[in-house]
Amino acid sequence: MSSTIQSTIQNSNAISAQVYAQLLDVNKRRYEPYQPYIYPVIPSSVIQLQMATANVGVPMSVITCLSGKGNQYITT
């Protein structure tokens, strides 16, 4: 019994490291599936490029009062 106690005392650092690693593993398996997904941050330069090139090549006719159809004014 005394040799077991001495061995436990001598290996206390290794034992505590192993127990801590097991605790981290249990924590990972139990709680990680419930962590919210954090979306990646899109840089503002990428967003500006997407906005600038969104309608490239799509023809838009100019709407004037003469070419518009229906009433151009809102009355109450």
PDB file of N, CA and C in Angstrom:
ATOM      1  N   MET A   1       0.839  -1.191   0.000  1.00  0.00           N
ATOM      2  CA  MET A   1       0.000   0.000   0.000  1.00  0.00           C
ATOM      3  C   MET A   1       0.884   1.255   0.000  1.00  0.00           C
ATOM      4  N   SER A   2       1.938   1.188   0.744  1.00  0.00           N
ATOM      5  CA  SER A   2       2.832   2.342   0.813  1.00  0.00           C
ATOM      6  C   SER A   2       3.486   2.603  -0.543  1.00  0.00           C
ATOM      7  N   SER A   3       3.841   1.546  -1.279  1.00  0.00           N
ATOM      8  CA  SER A   3       4.459   1.755  -2.592  1.00  0.00           C
ATOM      9  C   SER A   3       3.456   2.361  -3.574  1.00  0.00           C
ATOM     10  N   THR A   4       2.184   1.999  -3.439  1.00  0.00           N
ATOM     11  CA  THR A   4       1.151   2.582  -4.298  1.00  0.00           C
ATOM     12  C   THR A   4       0.998   4.065  -4.016  1.00  0.00           C
ATOM     13  N   ILE A   5       1.023   4.425  -2.748  1.00  0.00           N
ATOM     14  CA  ILE A   5       0.897   5.847  -2.370  1.00  0.00           C
ATOM     15  C   ILE A   5       2.107   6.629  -2.876  1.00  0.00           C
ATOM     16  N   GLN A   6       3.311   6.064  -2.702  1.00  0.00           N
ATOM     17  CA  GLN A   6       4.510   6.743  -3.180  1.00  0.00           C
ATOM     18  C   GLN A   6       4.481   6.908  -4.702  1.00  0.00           C
ATOM     19  N   SER A   7       4.029   5.881  -5.404  1.00  0.00           N
ATOM     20  CA  SER A   7       3.939   5.957  -6.858  1.00  0.00           C
ATOM     21  C   SER A   7       2.928   7.012  -7.296  1.00  0.00           C
ATOM     22  N   THR A   8       1.814   7.087  -6.577  1.00  0.00           N
ATOM     23  CA  THR A   8       0.795   8.089  -6.888  1.00  0.00           C
ATOM     24  C   THR A   8       1.333   9.496  -6.655  1.00  0.00           C
ATOM     25  N   ILE A   9       2.057   9.686  -5.578  1.00  0.00           N
ATOM     26  CA  ILE A   9       2.623  11.010  -5.271  1.00  0.00           C
ATOM     27  C   ILE A   9       3.664  11.392  -6.323  1.00  0.00           C
ATOM     28  N   GLN A  10       4.500  10.434  -6.731  1.00  0.00           N
ATOM     29  CA  GLN A  10       5.541  10.736  -7.714  1.00  0.00           C
ATOM     30  C   GLN A  10       4.947  11.050  -9.090  1.00  0.00           C
ATOM     31  N   ASN A  11       3.851  10.410  -9.416  1.00  0.00           N
ATOM     32  CA  ASN A  11       3.229  10.611 -10.726  1.00  0.00           C
ATOM     33  C   ASN A  11       2.044  11.580 -10.679  1.00  0.00           C
ATOM     34  N   SER A  12       1.984  12.401  -9.664  1.00  0.00           N
ATOM     35  CA  SER A  12       0.823  13.288  -9.496  1.00  0.00           C
ATOM     36  C   SER A  12       0.676  14.272 -10.648  1.00  0.00           C
ATOM     37  N   ASN A  13       1.772  14.779 -11.176  1.00  0.00           N
ATOM     38  CA  ASN A  13       1.673  15.721 -12.302  1.00  0.00           C
ATOM     39  C   ASN A  13       1.112  15.035 -13.540  1.00  0.00           C
ATOM     40  N   ALA A  14       1.583  13.837 -13.841  1.00  0.00           N
ATOM     41  CA  ALA A  14       1.085  13.105 -15.008  1.00  0.00           C
ATOM     42  C   ALA A  14      -0.380  12.722 -14.815  1.00  0.00           C
ATOM     43  N   ILE A  15      -0.743  12.341 -13.603  1.00  0.00           N
ATOM     44  CA  ILE A  15      -2.131  11.957 -13.321  1.00  0.00           C
ATOM     45  C   ILE A  15      -3.055  13.159 -13.473  1.00  0.00           C
ATOM     46  N   SER A  16      -2.652  14.301 -12.924  1.00  0.00           N
ATOM     47  CA  SER A  16      -3.506  15.492 -13.026  1.00  0.00           C
ATOM     48  C   SER A  16      -3.617  15.960 -14.476  1.00  0.00           C
ATOM     49  N   ALA A  17      -2.556  15.844 -15.253  1.00  0.00           N
ATOM     50  CA  ALA A  17      -2.615  16.225 -16.667  1.00  0.00           C
ATOM     51  C   ALA A  17      -3.553  15.298 -17.429  1.00  0.00           C
ATOM     52  N   GLN A  18      -3.526  14.016 -17.107  1.00  0.00           N
ATOM     53  CA  GLN A  18      -4.406  13.064 -17.784  1.00  0.00           C
ATOM     54  C   GLN A  18      -5.868  13.299 -17.405  1.00  0.00           C
ATOM     55  N   VAL A  19      -6.128  13.567 -16.138  1.00  0.00           N
ATOM     56  CA  VAL A  19      -7.500  13.841 -15.705  1.00  0.00           C
ATOM     57  C   VAL A  19      -8.012  15.129 -16.348  1.00  0.00           C
ATOM     58  N   TYR A  20      -7.152  16.150 -16.434  1.00  0.00           N
ATOM     59  CA  TYR A  20      -7.554  17.410 -17.055  1.00  0.00           C
ATOM     60  C   TYR A  20      -7.849  17.218 -18.545  1.00  0.00           C
ATOM     61  N   ALA A  21      -7.040  16.398 -19.222  1.00  0.00           N
ATOM     62  CA  ALA A  21      -7.283  16.121 -20.635  1.00  0.00           C
ATOM     63  C   ALA A  21      -8.605  15.386 -20.822  1.00  0.00           C
ATOM     64  N   GLN A  22      -8.915  14.457 -19.922  1.00  0.00           N
ATOM     65  CA  GLN A  22     -10.199  13.752 -20.003  1.00  0.00           C
ATOM     66  C   GLN A  22     -11.363  14.708 -19.764  1.00  0.00           C
ATOM     67  N   LEU A  23     -11.182  15.644 -18.836  1.00  0.00           N
ATOM     68  CA  LEU A  23     -12.228  16.642 -18.565  1.00  0.00           C
ATOM     69  C   LEU A  23     -12.462  17.528 -19.779  1.00  0.00           C
ATOM     70  N   LEU A  24     -11.405  17.942 -20.443  1.00  0.00           N
ATOM     71  CA  LEU A  24     -11.551  18.752 -21.657  1.00  0.00           C
ATOM     72  C   LEU A  24     -12.242  17.964 -22.766  1.00  0.00           C
ATOM     73  N   ASP A  25     -11.930  16.676 -22.859  1.00  0.00           N
ATOM     74  CA  ASP A  25     -12.560  15.839 -23.879  1.00  0.00           C
ATOM     75  C   ASP A  25     -14.058  15.698 -23.620  1.00  0.00           C
ATOM     76  N   VAL A  26     -14.423  15.492 -22.354  1.00  0.00           N
ATOM     77  CA  VAL A  26     -15.848  15.400 -22.008  1.00  0.00           C
ATOM     78  C   VAL A  26     -16.548  16.714 -22.307  1.00  0.00           C
ATOM     79  N   ASN A  27     -15.909  17.826 -21.970  1.00  0.00           N
ATOM     80  CA  ASN A  27     -16.480  19.140 -22.238  1.00  0.00           C
ATOM     81  C   ASN A  27     -16.691  19.343 -23.734  1.00  0.00           C
ATOM     82  N   LYS A  28     -15.721  18.934 -24.530  1.00  0.00           N
ATOM     83  CA  LYS A  28     -15.817  19.102 -25.982  1.00  0.00           C
ATOM     84  C   LYS A  28     -16.948  18.260 -26.563  1.00  0.00           C
ATOM     85  N   ARG A  29     -17.045  17.007 -26.142  1.00  0.00           N
ATOM     86  CA  ARG A  29     -18.078  16.127 -26.691  1.00  0.00           C
ATOM     87  C   ARG A  29     -19.473  16.531 -26.225  1.00  0.00           C
ATOM     88  N   ARG A  30     -19.586  17.098 -25.038  1.00  0.00           N
ATOM     89  CA  ARG A  30     -20.901  17.406 -24.491  1.00  0.00           C
ATOM     90  C   ARG A  30     -21.437  18.755 -24.951  1.00  0.00           C
ATOM     91  N   TYR A  31     -20.592  19.773 -24.978  1.00  0.00           N
ATOM     92  CA  TYR A  31     -21.086  21.130 -25.200  1.00  0.00           C
ATOM     93  C   TYR A  31     -20.793  21.698 -26.575  1.00  0.00           C
ATOM     94  N   GLU A  32     -19.824  21.160 -27.301  1.00  0.00           N
ATOM     95  CA  GLU A  32     -19.471  21.746 -28.595  1.00  0.00           C
ATOM     96  C   GLU A  32     -20.590  21.640 -29.626  1.00  0.00           C
ATOM     97  N   PRO A  33     -21.377  20.556 -29.677  1.00  0.00           N
ATOM     98  CA  PRO A  33     -22.454  20.527 -30.682  1.00  0.00           C
ATOM     99  C   PRO A  33     -23.498  21.622 -30.500  1.00  0.00           C
ATOM    100  N   TYR A  34     -23.590  22.207 -29.326  1.00  0.00           N
ATOM    101  CA  TYR A  34     -24.611  23.219 -29.066  1.00  0.00           C
ATOM    102  C   TYR A  34     -24.094  24.639 -29.187  1.00  0.00           C
ATOM    103  N   GLN A  35     -22.834  24.807 -29.580  1.00  0.00           N
ATOM    104  CA  GLN A  35     -22.290  26.148 -29.743  1.00  0.00           C
ATOM    105  C   GLN A  35     -22.881  26.781 -30.997  1.00  0.00           C
ATOM    106  N   PRO A  36     -23.224  28.060 -30.927  1.00  0.00           N
ATOM    107  CA  PRO A  36     -23.797  28.715 -32.113  1.00  0.00           C
ATOM    108  C   PRO A  36     -22.746  28.869 -33.207  1.00  0.00           C
ATOM    109  N   TYR A  37     -23.227  28.821 -34.438  1.00  0.00           N
ATOM    110  CA  TYR A  37     -22.328  29.020 -35.575  1.00  0.00           C
ATOM    111  C   TYR A  37     -22.062  30.507 -35.734  1.00  0.00           C
ATOM    112  N   ILE A  38     -20.819  30.878 -35.754  1.00  0.00           N
ATOM    113  CA  ILE A  38     -20.436  32.280 -35.923  1.00  0.00           C
ATOM    114  C   ILE A  38     -20.074  32.470 -37.388  1.00  0.00           C
ATOM    115  N   TYR A  39     -20.836  33.306 -38.058  1.00  0.00           N
ATOM    116  CA  TYR A  39     -20.621  33.535 -39.478  1.00  0.00           C
ATOM    117  C   TYR A  39     -19.315  34.286 -39.693  1.00  0.00           C
ATOM    118  N   PRO A  40     -18.618  33.985 -40.770  1.00  0.00           N
ATOM    119  CA  PRO A  40     -17.376  34.712 -41.041  1.00  0.00           C
ATOM    120  C   PRO A  40     -17.669  36.168 -41.392  1.00  0.00           C
ATOM    121  N   VAL A  41     -16.763  37.036 -41.022  1.00  0.00           N
ATOM    122  CA  VAL A  41     -16.919  38.464 -41.282  1.00  0.00           C
ATOM    123  C   VAL A  41     -16.502  38.743 -42.722  1.00  0.00           C
ATOM    124  N   ILE A  42     -17.398  39.363 -43.466  1.00  0.00           N
ATOM    125  CA  ILE A  42     -17.106  39.719 -44.854  1.00  0.00           C
ATOM    126  C   ILE A  42     -16.558  41.142 -44.861  1.00  0.00           C
ATOM    127  N   PRO A  43     -15.381  41.356 -45.423  1.00  0.00           N
ATOM    128  CA  PRO A  43     -14.808  42.706 -45.438  1.00  0.00           C
ATOM    129  C   PRO A  43     -15.687  43.677 -46.226  1.00  0.00           C
ATOM    130  N   SER A  44     -15.643  44.944 -45.828  1.00  0.00           N
ATOM    131  CA  SER A  44     -16.464  45.954 -46.492  1.00  0.00           C
ATOM    132  C   SER A  44     -16.051  46.136 -47.954  1.00  0.00           C
ATOM    133  N   SER A  45     -14.785  45.909 -48.275  1.00  0.00           N
ATOM    134  CA  SER A  45     -14.359  46.055 -49.671  1.00  0.00           C
ATOM    135  C   SER A  45     -15.025  45.010 -50.560  1.00  0.00           C
ATOM    136  N   VAL A  46     -15.225  43.806 -50.030  1.00  0.00           N
ATOM    137  CA  VAL A  46     -15.893  42.757 -50.800  1.00  0.00           C
ATOM    138  C   VAL A  46     -17.361  43.109 -51.003  1.00  0.00           C
ATOM    139  N   ILE A  47     -17.988  43.634 -49.967  1.00  0.00           N
ATOM    140  CA  ILE A  47     -19.398  44.032 -50.070  1.00  0.00           C
ATOM    141  C   ILE A  47     -19.556  45.162 -51.080  1.00  0.00           C
ATOM    142  N   GLN A  48     -18.648  46.145 -51.051  1.00  0.00           N
ATOM    143  CA  GLN A  48     -18.713  47.245 -52.011  1.00  0.00           C
ATOM    144  C   GLN A  48     -18.512  46.749 -53.440  1.00  0.00           C
ATOM    145  N   LEU A  49     -17.612  45.795 -53.630  1.00  0.00           N
ATOM    146  CA  LEU A  49     -17.407  45.231 -54.956  1.00  0.00           C
ATOM    147  C   LEU A  49     -18.653  44.490 -55.431  1.00  0.00           C
ATOM    148  N   GLN A  50     -19.296  43.736 -54.550  1.00  0.00           N
ATOM    149  CA  GLN A  50     -20.522  43.037 -54.917  1.00  0.00           C
ATOM    150  C   GLN A  50     -21.625  44.020 -55.279  1.00  0.00           C
ATOM    151  N   MET A  51     -21.731  45.104 -54.517  1.00  0.00           N
ATOM    152  CA  MET A  51     -22.765  46.096 -54.803  1.00  0.00           C
ATOM    153  C   MET A  51     -22.476  46.826 -56.114  1.00  0.00           C
ATOM    154  N   ALA A  52     -21.201  47.081 -56.394  1.00  0.00           N
ATOM    155  CA  ALA A  52     -20.855  47.816 -57.610  1.00  0.00           C
ATOM    156  C   ALA A  52     -21.032  46.965 -58.856  1.00  0.00           C
ATOM    157  N   THR A  53     -20.874  45.667 -58.739  1.00  0.00           N
ATOM    158  CA  THR A  53     -20.947  44.809 -59.918  1.00  0.00           C
ATOM    159  C   THR A  53     -22.234  43.996 -59.983  1.00  0.00           C
ATOM    160  N   ALA A  54     -23.202  44.291 -59.141  1.00  0.00           N
ATOM    161  CA  ALA A  54     -24.426  43.481 -59.093  1.00  0.00           C
ATOM    162  C   ALA A  54     -25.237  43.617 -60.371  1.00  0.00           C
ATOM    163  N   ASN A  55     -25.342  44.811 -60.924  1.00  0.00           N
ATOM    164  CA  ASN A  55     -26.203  45.036 -62.083  1.00  0.00           C
ATOM    165  C   ASN A  55     -25.419  45.335 -63.358  1.00  0.00           C
ATOM    166  N   VAL A  56     -24.172  44.937 -63.402  1.00  0.00           N
ATOM    167  CA  VAL A  56     -23.367  45.186 -64.597  1.00  0.00           C
ATOM    168  C   VAL A  56     -23.903  44.335 -65.735  1.00  0.00           C
ATOM    169  N   GLY A  57     -24.180  44.967 -66.859  1.00  0.00           N
ATOM    170  CA  GLY A  57     -24.675  44.249 -68.021  1.00  0.00           C
ATOM    171  C   GLY A  57     -26.185  44.148 -68.084  1.00  0.00           C
ATOM    172  N   VAL A  58     -26.889  44.632 -67.089  1.00  0.00           N
ATOM    173  CA  VAL A  58     -28.349  44.595 -67.107  1.00  0.00           C
ATOM    174  C   VAL A  58     -28.839  45.931 -67.642  1.00  0.00           C
ATOM    175  N   PRO A  59     -29.458  45.955 -68.814  1.00  0.00           N
ATOM    176  CA  PRO A  59     -29.892  47.235 -69.381  1.00  0.00           C
ATOM    177  C   PRO A  59     -31.074  47.811 -68.608  1.00  0.00           C
ATOM    178  N   MET A  60     -30.996  49.097 -68.334  1.00  0.00           N
ATOM    179  CA  MET A  60     -32.091  49.812 -67.673  1.00  0.00           C
ATOM    180  C   MET A  60     -32.460  50.999 -68.546  1.00  0.00           C
ATOM    181  N   SER A  61     -33.697  51.072 -68.935  1.00  0.00           N
ATOM    182  CA  SER A  61     -34.125  52.214 -69.730  1.00  0.00           C
ATOM    183  C   SER A  61     -34.412  53.385 -68.803  1.00  0.00           C
ATOM    184  N   VAL A  62     -34.168  54.563 -69.315  1.00  0.00           N
ATOM    185  CA  VAL A  62     -34.409  55.775 -68.538  1.00  0.00           C
ATOM    186  C   VAL A  62     -35.900  56.044 -68.513  1.00  0.00           C
ATOM    187  N   ILE A  63     -36.451  56.269 -67.337  1.00  0.00           N
ATOM    188  CA  ILE A  63     -37.873  56.548 -67.194  1.00  0.00           C
ATOM    189  C   ILE A  63     -38.049  58.062 -67.098  1.00  0.00           C
ATOM    190  N   THR A  64     -38.766  58.614 -68.032  1.00  0.00           N
ATOM    191  CA  THR A  64     -39.087  60.041 -67.988  1.00  0.00           C
ATOM    192  C   THR A  64     -40.596  60.180 -67.845  1.00  0.00           C
ATOM    193  N   CYS A  65     -41.032  61.387 -67.606  1.00  0.00           N
ATOM    194  CA  CYS A  65     -42.468  61.620 -67.470  1.00  0.00           C
ATOM    195  C   CYS A  65     -43.199  61.354 -68.785  1.00  0.00           C
ATOM    196  N   LEU A  66     -42.513  61.584 -69.914  1.00  0.00           N
ATOM    197  CA  LEU A  66     -43.163  61.372 -71.199  1.00  0.00           C
ATOM    198  C   LEU A  66     -43.316  59.884 -71.514  1.00  0.00           C
ATOM    199  N   SER A  67     -42.313  59.080 -71.120  1.00  0.00           N
ATOM    200  CA  SER A  67     -42.387  57.662 -71.451  1.00  0.00           C
ATOM    201  C   SER A  67     -43.129  56.864 -70.379  1.00  0.00           C
ATOM    202  N   GLY A  68     -43.371  57.481 -69.230  1.00  0.00           N
ATOM    203  CA  GLY A  68     -44.068  56.763 -68.155  1.00  0.00           C
ATOM    204  C   GLY A  68     -45.519  56.549 -68.478  1.00  0.00           C
ATOM    205  N   LYS A  69     -46.066  55.521 -67.926  1.00  0.00           N
ATOM    206  CA  LYS A  69     -47.480  55.223 -68.182  1.00  0.00           C
ATOM    207  C   LYS A  69     -48.272  55.491 -66.917  1.00  0.00           C
ATOM    208  N   GLY A  70     -49.455  55.973 -67.073  1.00  0.00           N
ATOM    209  CA  GLY A  70     -50.311  56.225 -65.914  1.00  0.00           C
ATOM    210  C   GLY A  70     -50.034  57.575 -65.278  1.00  0.00           C
ATOM    211  N   ASN A  71     -50.580  57.793 -64.138  1.00  0.00           N
ATOM    212  CA  ASN A  71     -50.470  59.055 -63.432  1.00  0.00           C
ATOM    213  C   ASN A  71     -49.101  59.119 -62.745  1.00  0.00           C
ATOM    214  N   GLN A  72     -48.391  60.208 -62.951  1.00  0.00           N
ATOM    215  CA  GLN A  72     -47.064  60.357 -62.355  1.00  0.00           C
ATOM    216  C   GLN A  72     -47.130  61.038 -60.994  1.00  0.00           C
ATOM    217  N   TYR A  73     -48.276  61.457 -60.566  1.00  0.00           N
ATOM    218  CA  TYR A  73     -48.387  62.192 -59.315  1.00  0.00           C
ATOM    219  C   TYR A  73     -49.341  61.450 -58.369  1.00  0.00           C
ATOM    220  N   ILE A  74     -49.047  61.558 -57.112  1.00  0.00           N
ATOM    221  CA  ILE A  74     -49.905  60.941 -56.094  1.00  0.00           C
ATOM    222  C   ILE A  74     -50.800  62.030 -55.538  1.00  0.00           C
ATOM    223  N   THR A  75     -52.100  61.823 -55.665  1.00  0.00           N
ATOM    224  CA  THR A  75     -53.055  62.793 -55.115  1.00  0.00           C
ATOM    225  C   THR A  75     -53.874  62.116 -54.042  1.00  0.00           C
ATOM    226  N   THR A  76     -54.342  62.905 -53.116  1.00  0.00           N
ATOM    227  CA  THR A  76     -55.186  62.349 -52.057  1.00  0.00           C
ATOM    228  C   THR A  76     -56.600  62.786 -52.227  1.00  0.00           C
TER     229      THR A  76
END
